[in-house]
């Protein structure tokens, strides 16, 4: 209600915020905007530069395929992308060799998103260009390497069979199994079991570890290899933030749909011969391998330090209440979540 102050009849309006506003959480930076104007998410669909857009909104791709690629694997990448139905997948290519123009002769080139940065890894690209709010429209994110043999996958088999199995089994993070006879296997759990549709653990002896029903973590269970992971929308949001939740029960290998992993040493090495000693590997490949181990140790130390410093964190996570404070007003919002 307005009130009159002094002889100048200056009207000062006092606005009382409804109590419901005190429990609403706004994204940082959007506090000064009305809720209806805020667009919190997006997608990777391309739009025309001018002219009226069709009133009928195009069908949004159900899932996203993202691959780190180099021109030397152009032929295989072409085979891979042709296996993904154009109406059901958006495609994004991360060019780690900086070569983009030489892909223009492929029929699908103009409908995919190209991102180029020399000598960067798949995960470097993913962290910077696949923010969860940008890919939240996609039910599944396929973040694959370029050297996967997809001859066993029928044209629409991957989408309609693989994803139907993933949904039925409740898998949040998965991968197609690897053909053990044609692939270079680094982890026994990823090998295809011809007698199974899905497996979540292995019973082999791996190094000094004897895997059995009582095993609760990698390398026996709760593991997929990072050359062909498939993330659900929810698990990608978690993974992007480097947060681990249910690490074993909702992770599995789909045996009925499988791949061949050629394990080509592309990033950091040009046609390095299999079996070559680290000292003879070309193009700094041995240095790339060394760096990967260094970064793994850095991550382990980060994790230990983060767990030690965060007194509110638990494994598995439990619902918590957090107080979000705005820098632009004197109001706080209380929100309950995971």
C-alpha atoms as a PDB file:
ATOM      1  CA  UNK A   1       0.000   0.000   0.000  1.00  0.00           C
ATOM      2  CA  UNK A   2       1.285   3.520  -0.822  1.00  0.00           C
ATOM      3  CA  UNK A   3       1.865   6.037   1.960  1.00  0.00           C
ATOM      4  CA  UNK A   4       2.438   9.820   1.903  1.00  0.00           C
ATOM      5  CA  UNK A   5       5.687  11.224   3.267  1.00  0.00           C
ATOM      6  CA  UNK A   6       6.075  14.966   4.082  1.00  0.00           C
ATOM      7  CA  UNK A   7       4.642  18.076   2.412  1.00  0.00           C
ATOM      8  CA  UNK A   8       5.984  17.162  -1.000  1.00  0.00           C
ATOM      9  CA  UNK A   9       3.453  14.395  -1.327  1.00  0.00           C
ATOM     10  CA  UNK A  10       6.124  11.947  -2.407  1.00  0.00           C
ATOM     11  CA  UNK A  11       4.600   8.526  -2.897  1.00  0.00           C
ATOM     12  CA  UNK A  12       6.712   5.592  -1.755  1.00  0.00           C
ATOM     13  CA  UNK A  13       5.401   2.189  -2.758  1.00  0.00           C
ATOM     14  CA  UNK A  14       6.184  -0.621  -0.373  1.00  0.00           C
ATOM     15  CA  UNK A  15       6.048  -3.976  -2.112  1.00  0.00           C
ATOM     16  CA  UNK A  16       5.610  -7.025   0.058  1.00  0.00           C
ATOM     17  CA  UNK A  17       6.845 -10.224  -1.607  1.00  0.00           C
ATOM     18  CA  UNK A  18       4.501 -13.197  -1.316  1.00  0.00           C
ATOM     19  CA  UNK A  19       5.815 -15.838   1.061  1.00  0.00           C
ATOM     20  CA  UNK A  20       5.941 -18.352  -1.773  1.00  0.00           C
ATOM     21  CA  UNK A  21       8.768 -16.314  -3.321  1.00  0.00           C
ATOM     22  CA  UNK A  22      10.952 -17.039  -0.325  1.00  0.00           C
ATOM     23  CA  UNK A  23      11.025 -20.745  -1.157  1.00  0.00           C
ATOM     24  CA  UNK A  24      11.739 -20.375  -4.875  1.00  0.00           C
ATOM     25  CA  UNK A  25      15.273 -21.092  -6.016  1.00  0.00           C
ATOM     26  CA  UNK A  26      16.618 -19.082  -8.970  1.00  0.00           C
ATOM     27  CA  UNK A  27      19.678 -19.853 -11.033  1.00  0.00           C
ATOM     28  CA  UNK A  28      22.610 -17.655 -10.074  1.00  0.00           C
ATOM     29  CA  UNK A  29      22.620 -14.539 -12.223  1.00  0.00           C
ATOM     30  CA  UNK A  30      18.902 -14.687 -13.035  1.00  0.00           C
ATOM     31  CA  UNK A  31      17.571 -13.295  -9.746  1.00  0.00           C
ATOM     32  CA  UNK A  32      16.786  -9.892 -11.282  1.00  0.00           C
ATOM     33  CA  UNK A  33      14.682 -11.382 -14.090  1.00  0.00           C
ATOM     34  CA  UNK A  34      11.019 -12.445 -14.071  1.00  0.00           C
ATOM     35  CA  UNK A  35      10.727 -16.232 -14.084  1.00  0.00           C
ATOM     36  CA  UNK A  36       8.840 -16.402 -17.382  1.00  0.00           C
ATOM     37  CA  UNK A  37      11.691 -14.784 -19.334  1.00  0.00           C
ATOM     38  CA  UNK A  38      14.319 -17.263 -18.124  1.00  0.00           C
ATOM     39  CA  UNK A  39      15.381 -20.024 -20.515  1.00  0.00           C
ATOM     40  CA  UNK A  40      17.414 -22.447 -18.412  1.00  0.00           C
ATOM     41  CA  UNK A  41      18.165 -25.097 -21.026  1.00  0.00           C
ATOM     42  CA  UNK A  42      18.907 -25.399 -24.727  1.00  0.00           C
ATOM     43  CA  UNK A  43      19.785 -28.013 -27.341  1.00  0.00           C
ATOM     44  CA  UNK A  44      22.048 -28.525 -30.349  1.00  0.00           C
ATOM     45  CA  UNK A  45      19.419 -28.127 -33.077  1.00  0.00           C
ATOM     46  CA  UNK A  46      20.464 -25.717 -35.845  1.00  0.00           C
ATOM     47  CA  UNK A  47      18.202 -22.798 -36.791  1.00  0.00           C
ATOM     48  CA  UNK A  48      17.904 -20.723 -40.012  1.00  0.00           C
ATOM     49  CA  UNK A  49      19.673 -17.353 -40.081  1.00  0.00           C
ATOM     50  CA  UNK A  50      16.617 -15.513 -41.413  1.00  0.00           C
ATOM     51  CA  UNK A  51      12.990 -15.974 -42.399  1.00  0.00           C
ATOM     52  CA  UNK A  52      10.069 -17.264 -40.430  1.00  0.00           C
ATOM     53  CA  UNK A  53      10.602 -20.546 -38.697  1.00  0.00           C
ATOM     54  CA  UNK A  54       8.105 -23.300 -39.299  1.00  0.00           C
ATOM     55  CA  UNK A  55       5.204 -23.149 -36.876  1.00  0.00           C
ATOM     56  CA  UNK A  56       5.515 -26.870 -36.514  1.00  0.00           C
ATOM     57  CA  UNK A  57       8.499 -27.464 -34.256  1.00  0.00           C
ATOM     58  CA  UNK A  58      10.890 -30.039 -35.747  1.00  0.00           C
ATOM     59  CA  UNK A  59      11.138 -33.331 -33.930  1.00  0.00           C
ATOM     60  CA  UNK A  60      13.896 -32.996 -31.363  1.00  0.00           C
ATOM     61  CA  UNK A  61      16.524 -35.715 -31.612  1.00  0.00           C
ATOM     62  CA  UNK A  62      15.985 -38.185 -28.815  1.00  0.00           C
ATOM     63  CA  UNK A  63      19.662 -38.747 -28.090  1.00  0.00           C
ATOM     64  CA  UNK A  64      23.084 -37.256 -28.796  1.00  0.00           C
ATOM     65  CA  UNK A  65      26.140 -38.848 -30.371  1.00  0.00           C
ATOM     66  CA  UNK A  66      29.447 -37.061 -29.699  1.00  0.00           C
ATOM     67  CA  UNK A  67      32.760 -38.342 -31.082  1.00  0.00           C
ATOM     68  CA  UNK A  68      36.335 -37.042 -30.897  1.00  0.00           C
ATOM     69  CA  UNK A  69      37.653 -37.440 -34.452  1.00  0.00           C
ATOM     70  CA  UNK A  70      40.730 -37.044 -36.624  1.00  0.00           C
ATOM     71  CA  UNK A  71      40.816 -37.033 -40.413  1.00  0.00           C
ATOM     72  CA  UNK A  72      42.716 -40.364 -40.522  1.00  0.00           C
ATOM     73  CA  UNK A  73      39.614 -42.109 -39.153  1.00  0.00           C
ATOM     74  CA  UNK A  74      37.207 -40.392 -41.576  1.00  0.00           C
ATOM     75  CA  UNK A  75      36.081 -43.638 -43.228  1.00  0.00           C
ATOM     76  CA  UNK A  76      35.277 -45.387 -39.950  1.00  0.00           C
ATOM     77  CA  UNK A  77      33.548 -42.325 -38.482  1.00  0.00           C
ATOM     78  CA  UNK A  78      31.395 -42.187 -41.606  1.00  0.00           C
ATOM     79  CA  UNK A  79      30.324 -45.803 -41.002  1.00  0.00           C
ATOM     80  CA  UNK A  80      29.547 -45.038 -37.370  1.00  0.00           C
ATOM     81  CA  UNK A  81      27.389 -41.996 -38.018  1.00  0.00           C
ATOM     82  CA  UNK A  82      25.400 -43.801 -40.706  1.00  0.00           C
ATOM     83  CA  UNK A  83      24.331 -46.322 -38.053  1.00  0.00           C
ATOM     84  CA  UNK A  84      22.546 -43.604 -36.073  1.00  0.00           C
ATOM     85  CA  UNK A  85      19.087 -42.693 -37.470  1.00  0.00           C
ATOM     86  CA  UNK A  86      19.091 -39.040 -38.508  1.00  0.00           C
ATOM     87  CA  UNK A  87      15.659 -38.358 -37.004  1.00  0.00           C
ATOM     88  CA  UNK A  88      16.564 -39.756 -33.608  1.00  0.00           C
ATOM     89  CA  UNK A  89      20.080 -38.458 -32.999  1.00  0.00           C
ATOM     90  CA  UNK A  90      21.897 -35.156 -32.957  1.00  0.00           C
ATOM     91  CA  UNK A  91      25.591 -35.534 -33.815  1.00  0.00           C
ATOM     92  CA  UNK A  92      28.566 -33.522 -32.605  1.00  0.00           C
ATOM     93  CA  UNK A  93      32.154 -34.016 -33.784  1.00  0.00           C
ATOM     94  CA  UNK A  94      35.163 -32.880 -31.783  1.00  0.00           C
ATOM     95  CA  UNK A  95      38.083 -32.355 -34.192  1.00  0.00           C
ATOM     96  CA  UNK A  96      41.260 -32.885 -32.190  1.00  0.00           C
ATOM     97  CA  UNK A  97      43.518 -32.424 -35.257  1.00  0.00           C
ATOM     98  CA  UNK A  98      42.016 -29.076 -36.306  1.00  0.00           C
ATOM     99  CA  UNK A  99      40.945 -30.410 -39.729  1.00  0.00           C
ATOM    100  CA  UNK A 100      37.297 -29.646 -40.477  1.00  0.00           C
ATOM    101  CA  UNK A 101      36.951 -28.744 -44.159  1.00  0.00           C
ATOM    102  CA  UNK A 102      37.973 -32.193 -45.420  1.00  0.00           C
ATOM    103  CA  UNK A 103      34.739 -33.647 -43.999  1.00  0.00           C
ATOM    104  CA  UNK A 104      32.509 -31.519 -46.227  1.00  0.00           C
ATOM    105  CA  UNK A 105      32.119 -34.157 -48.950  1.00  0.00           C
ATOM    106  CA  UNK A 106      30.135 -36.458 -46.614  1.00  0.00           C
ATOM    107  CA  UNK A 107      26.369 -36.317 -47.017  1.00  0.00           C
ATOM    108  CA  UNK A 108      25.673 -35.753 -43.320  1.00  0.00           C
ATOM    109  CA  UNK A 109      28.317 -33.058 -42.788  1.00  0.00           C
ATOM    110  CA  UNK A 110      25.988 -30.044 -42.797  1.00  0.00           C
ATOM    111  CA  UNK A 111      23.649 -31.431 -40.159  1.00  0.00           C
ATOM    112  CA  UNK A 112      26.279 -32.149 -37.502  1.00  0.00           C
ATOM    113  CA  UNK A 113      27.937 -29.717 -35.096  1.00  0.00           C
ATOM    114  CA  UNK A 114      31.705 -29.345 -35.588  1.00  0.00           C
ATOM    115  CA  UNK A 115      33.996 -28.165 -32.785  1.00  0.00           C
ATOM    116  CA  UNK A 116      37.732 -27.875 -33.404  1.00  0.00           C
ATOM    117  CA  UNK A 117      40.659 -27.561 -30.979  1.00  0.00           C
ATOM    118  CA  UNK A 118      44.073 -29.035 -31.702  1.00  0.00           C
ATOM    119  CA  UNK A 119      45.407 -31.879 -29.552  1.00  0.00           C
ATOM    120  CA  UNK A 120      42.589 -31.987 -27.010  1.00  0.00           C
ATOM    121  CA  UNK A 121      40.938 -35.096 -25.593  1.00  0.00           C
ATOM    122  CA  UNK A 122      37.316 -36.203 -25.814  1.00  0.00           C
ATOM    123  CA  UNK A 123      36.790 -35.299 -22.172  1.00  0.00           C
ATOM    124  CA  UNK A 124      38.280 -31.830 -22.635  1.00  0.00           C
ATOM    125  CA  UNK A 125      35.667 -31.168 -25.318  1.00  0.00           C
ATOM    126  CA  UNK A 126      32.849 -32.748 -23.319  1.00  0.00           C
ATOM    127  CA  UNK A 127      33.512 -30.642 -20.232  1.00  0.00           C
ATOM    128  CA  UNK A 128      33.409 -27.414 -22.231  1.00  0.00           C
ATOM    129  CA  UNK A 129      30.746 -28.084 -24.860  1.00  0.00           C
ATOM    130  CA  UNK A 130      28.336 -30.626 -23.331  1.00  0.00           C
ATOM    131  CA  UNK A 131      27.141 -28.772 -20.256  1.00  0.00           C
ATOM    132  CA  UNK A 132      24.135 -30.627 -18.743  1.00  0.00           C
ATOM    133  CA  UNK A 133      21.833 -27.648 -19.352  1.00  0.00           C
ATOM    134  CA  UNK A 134      22.729 -27.687 -23.062  1.00  0.00           C
ATOM    135  CA  UNK A 135      22.155 -31.415 -23.545  1.00  0.00           C
ATOM    136  CA  UNK A 136      19.260 -31.798 -21.097  1.00  0.00           C
ATOM    137  CA  UNK A 137      16.806 -32.299 -23.960  1.00  0.00           C
ATOM    138  CA  UNK A 138      18.506 -35.552 -24.938  1.00  0.00           C
ATOM    139  CA  UNK A 139      17.535 -38.758 -23.173  1.00  0.00           C
ATOM    140  CA  UNK A 140      20.943 -40.407 -23.750  1.00  0.00           C
ATOM    141  CA  UNK A 141      24.426 -39.136 -24.534  1.00  0.00           C
ATOM    142  CA  UNK A 142      26.696 -41.466 -26.528  1.00  0.00           C
ATOM    143  CA  UNK A 143      30.254 -40.233 -25.950  1.00  0.00           C
ATOM    144  CA  UNK A 144      32.264 -42.530 -28.183  1.00  0.00           C
ATOM    145  CA  UNK A 145      35.761 -42.934 -29.576  1.00  0.00           C
ATOM    146  CA  UNK A 146      36.384 -42.898 -33.308  1.00  0.00           C
ATOM    147  CA  UNK A 147      37.902 -46.386 -33.616  1.00  0.00           C
ATOM    148  CA  UNK A 148      34.853 -48.515 -32.875  1.00  0.00           C
ATOM    149  CA  UNK A 149      33.776 -51.190 -35.317  1.00  0.00           C
ATOM    150  CA  UNK A 150      30.007 -50.998 -35.758  1.00  0.00           C
ATOM    151  CA  UNK A 151      29.475 -53.653 -38.421  1.00  0.00           C
ATOM    152  CA  UNK A 152      27.433 -55.758 -35.992  1.00  0.00           C
ATOM    153  CA  UNK A 153      24.942 -52.955 -35.408  1.00  0.00           C
ATOM    154  CA  UNK A 154      21.985 -52.916 -37.762  1.00  0.00           C
ATOM    155  CA  UNK A 155      20.742 -49.554 -39.075  1.00  0.00           C
ATOM    156  CA  UNK A 156      18.124 -49.000 -36.398  1.00  0.00           C
ATOM    157  CA  UNK A 157      19.251 -51.707 -34.005  1.00  0.00           C
ATOM    158  CA  UNK A 158      21.248 -49.435 -31.746  1.00  0.00           C
ATOM    159  CA  UNK A 159      18.385 -47.120 -30.945  1.00  0.00           C
ATOM    160  CA  UNK A 160      15.493 -49.545 -30.753  1.00  0.00           C
ATOM    161  CA  UNK A 161      17.237 -52.566 -29.276  1.00  0.00           C
ATOM    162  CA  UNK A 162      20.104 -51.157 -27.262  1.00  0.00           C
ATOM    163  CA  UNK A 163      18.113 -48.373 -25.630  1.00  0.00           C
ATOM    164  CA  UNK A 164      15.130 -50.613 -24.984  1.00  0.00           C
ATOM    165  CA  UNK A 165      17.453 -52.969 -23.066  1.00  0.00           C
ATOM    166  CA  UNK A 166      19.019 -50.069 -21.157  1.00  0.00           C
ATOM    167  CA  UNK A 167      15.590 -48.799 -20.111  1.00  0.00           C
ATOM    168  CA  UNK A 168      14.309 -52.236 -19.173  1.00  0.00           C
ATOM    169  CA  UNK A 169      17.392 -52.980 -17.044  1.00  0.00           C
ATOM    170  CA  UNK A 170      17.397 -49.522 -15.446  1.00  0.00           C
ATOM    171  CA  UNK A 171      20.983 -48.767 -16.522  1.00  0.00           C
ATOM    172  CA  UNK A 172      22.076 -45.150 -16.051  1.00  0.00           C
ATOM    173  CA  UNK A 173      25.585 -45.682 -17.456  1.00  0.00           C
ATOM    174  CA  UNK A 174      26.204 -48.466 -19.963  1.00  0.00           C
ATOM    175  CA  UNK A 175      28.165 -49.524 -23.014  1.00  0.00           C
ATOM    176  CA  UNK A 176      27.859 -52.120 -25.770  1.00  0.00           C
ATOM    177  CA  UNK A 177      29.968 -55.169 -24.980  1.00  0.00           C
ATOM    178  CA  UNK A 178      33.197 -55.722 -26.916  1.00  0.00           C
ATOM    179  CA  UNK A 179      33.766 -58.680 -29.211  1.00  0.00           C
ATOM    180  CA  UNK A 180      36.594 -60.463 -27.340  1.00  0.00           C
ATOM    181  CA  UNK A 181      37.831 -62.222 -30.481  1.00  0.00           C
ATOM    182  CA  UNK A 182      38.314 -59.058 -32.569  1.00  0.00           C
ATOM    183  CA  UNK A 183      38.835 -56.319 -29.985  1.00  0.00           C
ATOM    184  CA  UNK A 184      41.783 -55.205 -27.925  1.00  0.00           C
ATOM    185  CA  UNK A 185      40.450 -55.745 -24.416  1.00  0.00           C
ATOM    186  CA  UNK A 186      41.823 -53.727 -21.535  1.00  0.00           C
ATOM    187  CA  UNK A 187      39.182 -54.704 -18.960  1.00  0.00           C
ATOM    188  CA  UNK A 188      37.701 -58.243 -18.774  1.00  0.00           C
ATOM    189  CA  UNK A 189      34.311 -56.952 -17.601  1.00  0.00           C
ATOM    190  CA  UNK A 190      33.704 -55.307 -20.992  1.00  0.00           C
ATOM    191  CA  UNK A 191      33.987 -58.593 -22.947  1.00  0.00           C
ATOM    192  CA  UNK A 192      30.777 -59.852 -24.497  1.00  0.00           C
ATOM    193  CA  UNK A 193      29.009 -62.754 -22.814  1.00  0.00           C
ATOM    194  CA  UNK A 194      27.167 -64.574 -25.615  1.00  0.00           C
ATOM    195  CA  UNK A 195      24.851 -66.255 -23.112  1.00  0.00           C
ATOM    196  CA  UNK A 196      23.645 -62.995 -21.585  1.00  0.00           C
ATOM    197  CA  UNK A 197      21.687 -59.903 -22.587  1.00  0.00           C
ATOM    198  CA  UNK A 198      23.290 -57.698 -19.916  1.00  0.00           C
ATOM    199  CA  UNK A 199      25.963 -58.326 -17.317  1.00  0.00           C
ATOM    200  CA  UNK A 200      26.971 -56.132 -14.391  1.00  0.00           C
ATOM    201  CA  UNK A 201      29.995 -58.025 -13.040  1.00  0.00           C
ATOM    202  CA  UNK A 202      32.772 -60.396 -13.960  1.00  0.00           C
ATOM    203  CA  UNK A 203      33.973 -63.419 -11.994  1.00  0.00           C
ATOM    204  CA  UNK A 204      37.513 -63.519 -13.355  1.00  0.00           C
ATOM    205  CA  UNK A 205      40.772 -63.079 -11.497  1.00  0.00           C
ATOM    206  CA  UNK A 206      42.158 -59.659 -12.429  1.00  0.00           C
ATOM    207  CA  UNK A 207      45.674 -59.092 -11.192  1.00  0.00           C
ATOM    208  CA  UNK A 208      45.525 -59.747  -7.463  1.00  0.00           C
ATOM    209  CA  UNK A 209      41.761 -59.291  -7.348  1.00  0.00           C
ATOM    210  CA  UNK A 210      39.512 -62.372  -7.395  1.00  0.00           C
ATOM    211  CA  UNK A 211      36.077 -61.183  -8.499  1.00  0.00           C
ATOM    212  CA  UNK A 212      32.994 -62.851  -7.018  1.00  0.00           C
ATOM    213  CA  UNK A 213      29.427 -62.145  -5.865  1.00  0.00           C
ATOM    214  CA  UNK A 214      30.717 -60.146  -2.911  1.00  0.00           C
ATOM    215  CA  UNK A 215      32.726 -57.715  -5.052  1.00  0.00           C
ATOM    216  CA  UNK A 216      31.338 -54.194  -4.723  1.00  0.00           C
ATOM    217  CA  UNK A 217      33.368 -52.117  -7.161  1.00  0.00           C
ATOM    218  CA  UNK A 218      35.775 -52.000 -10.130  1.00  0.00           C
ATOM    219  CA  UNK A 219      37.325 -53.932 -11.740  1.00  0.00           C
ATOM    220  CA  UNK A 220      34.710 -56.550 -10.857  1.00  0.00           C
ATOM    221  CA  UNK A 221      31.474 -54.540 -11.053  1.00  0.00           C
ATOM    222  CA  UNK A 222      30.160 -51.000 -11.469  1.00  0.00           C
ATOM    223  CA  UNK A 223      32.423 -50.292 -14.426  1.00  0.00           C
ATOM    224  CA  UNK A 224      32.260 -49.318 -18.102  1.00  0.00           C
ATOM    225  CA  UNK A 225      35.237 -48.367 -20.244  1.00  0.00           C
ATOM    226  CA  UNK A 226      35.379 -44.753 -21.341  1.00  0.00           C
ATOM    227  CA  UNK A 227      35.798 -45.445 -25.052  1.00  0.00           C
ATOM    228  CA  UNK A 228      32.067 -46.144 -25.628  1.00  0.00           C
ATOM    229  CA  UNK A 229      29.980 -44.979 -22.651  1.00  0.00           C
ATOM    230  CA  UNK A 230      26.273 -44.210 -22.910  1.00  0.00           C
ATOM    231  CA  UNK A 231      24.936 -41.851 -20.243  1.00  0.00           C
ATOM    232  CA  UNK A 232      21.339 -41.228 -19.312  1.00  0.00           C
ATOM    233  CA  UNK A 233      20.336 -37.594 -18.935  1.00  0.00           C
ATOM    234  CA  UNK A 234      20.509 -37.832 -15.134  1.00  0.00           C
ATOM    235  CA  UNK A 235      23.824 -39.686 -14.987  1.00  0.00           C
ATOM    236  CA  UNK A 236      25.471 -37.232 -17.386  1.00  0.00           C
ATOM    237  CA  UNK A 237      24.513 -34.297 -15.174  1.00  0.00           C
ATOM    238  CA  UNK A 238      26.116 -36.159 -12.289  1.00  0.00           C
ATOM    239  CA  UNK A 239      29.195 -37.263 -14.243  1.00  0.00           C
ATOM    240  CA  UNK A 240      29.808 -33.818 -15.738  1.00  0.00           C
ATOM    241  CA  UNK A 241      30.115 -32.435 -12.224  1.00  0.00           C
ATOM    242  CA  UNK A 242      32.487 -35.263 -11.209  1.00  0.00           C
ATOM    243  CA  UNK A 243      30.034 -36.523  -8.586  1.00  0.00           C
ATOM    244  CA  UNK A 244      29.563 -40.261  -7.985  1.00  0.00           C
ATOM    245  CA  UNK A 245      26.348 -41.642  -6.598  1.00  0.00           C
ATOM    246  CA  UNK A 246      25.110 -45.217  -7.061  1.00  0.00           C
ATOM    247  CA  UNK A 247      28.263 -46.577  -8.642  1.00  0.00           C
ATOM    248  CA  UNK A 248      27.407 -50.238  -9.147  1.00  0.00           C
ATOM    249  CA  UNK A 249      23.748 -51.214  -9.388  1.00  0.00           C
ATOM    250  CA  UNK A 250      22.833 -49.029 -12.369  1.00  0.00           C
ATOM    251  CA  UNK A 251      25.971 -49.611 -14.439  1.00  0.00           C
ATOM    252  CA  UNK A 252      26.211 -52.487 -16.879  1.00  0.00           C
ATOM    253  CA  UNK A 253      27.442 -53.959 -20.172  1.00  0.00           C
ATOM    254  CA  UNK A 254      24.890 -54.765 -22.894  1.00  0.00           C
ATOM    255  CA  UNK A 255      25.949 -58.093 -24.421  1.00  0.00           C
ATOM    256  CA  UNK A 256      23.285 -58.452 -27.102  1.00  0.00           C
ATOM    257  CA  UNK A 257      24.550 -55.285 -28.864  1.00  0.00           C
ATOM    258  CA  UNK A 258      28.315 -55.296 -29.217  1.00  0.00           C
ATOM    259  CA  UNK A 259      31.224 -53.502 -30.873  1.00  0.00           C
ATOM    260  CA  UNK A 260      34.794 -54.064 -31.994  1.00  0.00           C
ATOM    261  CA  UNK A 261      37.420 -51.823 -30.426  1.00  0.00           C
ATOM    262  CA  UNK A 262      40.434 -51.362 -32.699  1.00  0.00           C
ATOM    263  CA  UNK A 263      42.353 -49.361 -30.050  1.00  0.00           C
ATOM    264  CA  UNK A 264      44.087 -47.171 -32.629  1.00  0.00           C
ATOM    265  CA  UNK A 265      46.674 -44.802 -31.071  1.00  0.00           C
ATOM    266  CA  UNK A 266      45.430 -41.666 -32.835  1.00  0.00           C
ATOM    267  CA  UNK A 267      45.650 -38.725 -30.427  1.00  0.00           C
ATOM    268  CA  UNK A 268      49.327 -37.949 -29.937  1.00  0.00           C
ATOM    269  CA  UNK A 269      50.542 -40.639 -32.346  1.00  0.00           C
ATOM    270  CA  UNK A 270      50.456 -41.102 -36.115  1.00  0.00           C
ATOM    271  CA  UNK A 271      49.889 -44.714 -37.104  1.00  0.00           C
ATOM    272  CA  UNK A 272      51.938 -46.111 -34.236  1.00  0.00           C
ATOM    273  CA  UNK A 273      52.536 -49.807 -34.709  1.00  0.00           C
ATOM    274  CA  UNK A 274      50.916 -52.244 -32.303  1.00  0.00           C
ATOM    275  CA  UNK A 275      53.461 -53.827 -30.029  1.00  0.00           C
ATOM    276  CA  UNK A 276      55.889 -50.934 -30.315  1.00  0.00           C
ATOM    277  CA  UNK A 277      57.799 -50.142 -27.165  1.00  0.00           C
ATOM    278  CA  UNK A 278      56.980 -46.864 -25.402  1.00  0.00           C
ATOM    279  CA  UNK A 279      60.389 -45.466 -26.327  1.00  0.00           C
ATOM    280  CA  UNK A 280      59.736 -46.050 -30.041  1.00  0.00           C
ATOM    281  CA  UNK A 281      56.214 -44.666 -30.187  1.00  0.00           C
ATOM    282  CA  UNK A 282      55.907 -41.711 -32.530  1.00  0.00           C
ATOM    283  CA  UNK A 283      54.283 -38.334 -32.139  1.00  0.00           C
ATOM    284  CA  UNK A 284      54.547 -38.205 -28.369  1.00  0.00           C
ATOM    285  CA  UNK A 285      52.166 -41.110 -27.830  1.00  0.00           C
ATOM    286  CA  UNK A 286      54.117 -42.352 -24.823  1.00  0.00           C
ATOM    287  CA  UNK A 287      53.889 -38.869 -23.314  1.00  0.00           C
ATOM    288  CA  UNK A 288      50.107 -38.899 -23.809  1.00  0.00           C
ATOM    289  CA  UNK A 289      49.900 -42.216 -21.949  1.00  0.00           C
ATOM    290  CA  UNK A 290      52.107 -40.881 -19.167  1.00  0.00           C
ATOM    291  CA  UNK A 291      49.935 -37.779 -18.851  1.00  0.00           C
ATOM    292  CA  UNK A 292      46.789 -39.885 -18.539  1.00  0.00           C
ATOM    293  CA  UNK A 293      48.260 -41.665 -15.489  1.00  0.00           C
ATOM    294  CA  UNK A 294      49.359 -38.354 -13.998  1.00  0.00           C
ATOM    295  CA  UNK A 295      45.858 -36.921 -14.394  1.00  0.00           C
ATOM    296  CA  UNK A 296      44.317 -40.047 -12.846  1.00  0.00           C
ATOM    297  CA  UNK A 297      46.446 -39.560  -9.731  1.00  0.00           C
ATOM    298  CA  UNK A 298      45.517 -35.872  -9.648  1.00  0.00           C
ATOM    299  CA  UNK A 299      41.849 -36.806  -9.767  1.00  0.00           C
ATOM    300  CA  UNK A 300      42.232 -39.382  -6.983  1.00  0.00           C
ATOM    301  CA  UNK A 301      43.867 -36.759  -4.789  1.00  0.00           C
ATOM    302  CA  UNK A 302      41.151 -34.224  -5.629  1.00  0.00           C
ATOM    303  CA  UNK A 303      38.491 -36.768  -4.664  1.00  0.00           C
ATOM    304  CA  UNK A 304      40.125 -37.611  -1.319  1.00  0.00           C
ATOM    305  CA  UNK A 305      40.572 -33.929  -0.523  1.00  0.00           C
ATOM    306  CA  UNK A 306      36.976 -33.066  -1.496  1.00  0.00           C
ATOM    307  CA  UNK A 307      35.530 -35.874   0.647  1.00  0.00           C
ATOM    308  CA  UNK A 308      37.640 -34.808   3.608  1.00  0.00           C
ATOM    309  CA  UNK A 309      36.645 -31.134   3.308  1.00  0.00           C
ATOM    310  CA  UNK A 310      32.919 -31.624   2.680  1.00  0.00           C
ATOM    311  CA  UNK A 311      31.330 -32.598   5.984  1.00  0.00           C
ATOM    312  CA  UNK A 312      27.870 -32.701   4.359  1.00  0.00           C
ATOM    313  CA  UNK A 313      28.769 -35.303   1.720  1.00  0.00           C
ATOM    314  CA  UNK A 314      27.971 -38.969   2.191  1.00  0.00           C
ATOM    315  CA  UNK A 315      28.141 -42.129   0.109  1.00  0.00           C
ATOM    316  CA  UNK A 316      25.517 -42.820  -1.050  1.00  0.00           C
ATOM    317  CA  UNK A 317      24.142 -39.252  -1.105  1.00  0.00           C
ATOM    318  CA  UNK A 318      21.133 -38.424   1.092  1.00  0.00           C
ATOM    319  CA  UNK A 319      18.564 -35.633   0.642  1.00  0.00           C
ATOM    320  CA  UNK A 320      19.860 -32.379   2.096  1.00  0.00           C
ATOM    321  CA  UNK A 321      18.575 -28.863   2.608  1.00  0.00           C
ATOM    322  CA  UNK A 322      20.659 -26.037   1.268  1.00  0.00           C
ATOM    323  CA  UNK A 323      20.244 -22.303   1.713  1.00  0.00           C
ATOM    324  CA  UNK A 324      20.838 -20.381  -1.487  1.00  0.00           C
ATOM    325  CA  UNK A 325      21.634 -16.707  -0.998  1.00  0.00           C
ATOM    326  CA  UNK A 326      21.291 -14.038  -3.697  1.00  0.00           C
ATOM    327  CA  UNK A 327      23.924 -11.333  -4.047  1.00  0.00           C
ATOM    328  CA  UNK A 328      21.345  -8.967  -5.503  1.00  0.00           C
ATOM    329  CA  UNK A 329      18.811  -8.871  -2.677  1.00  0.00           C
ATOM    330  CA  UNK A 330      18.346  -9.506   1.014  1.00  0.00           C
ATOM    331  CA  UNK A 331      16.299 -12.629   0.475  1.00  0.00           C
ATOM    332  CA  UNK A 332      17.290 -16.253   0.875  1.00  0.00           C
ATOM    333  CA  UNK A 333      15.654 -19.298  -0.660  1.00  0.00           C
ATOM    334  CA  UNK A 334      15.471 -22.706   1.011  1.00  0.00           C
ATOM    335  CA  UNK A 335      15.446 -25.656  -1.362  1.00  0.00           C
ATOM    336  CA  UNK A 336      15.403 -29.378  -0.694  1.00  0.00           C
ATOM    337  CA  UNK A 337      17.130 -31.785  -3.077  1.00  0.00           C
ATOM    338  CA  UNK A 338      19.849 -34.369  -3.606  1.00  0.00           C
END
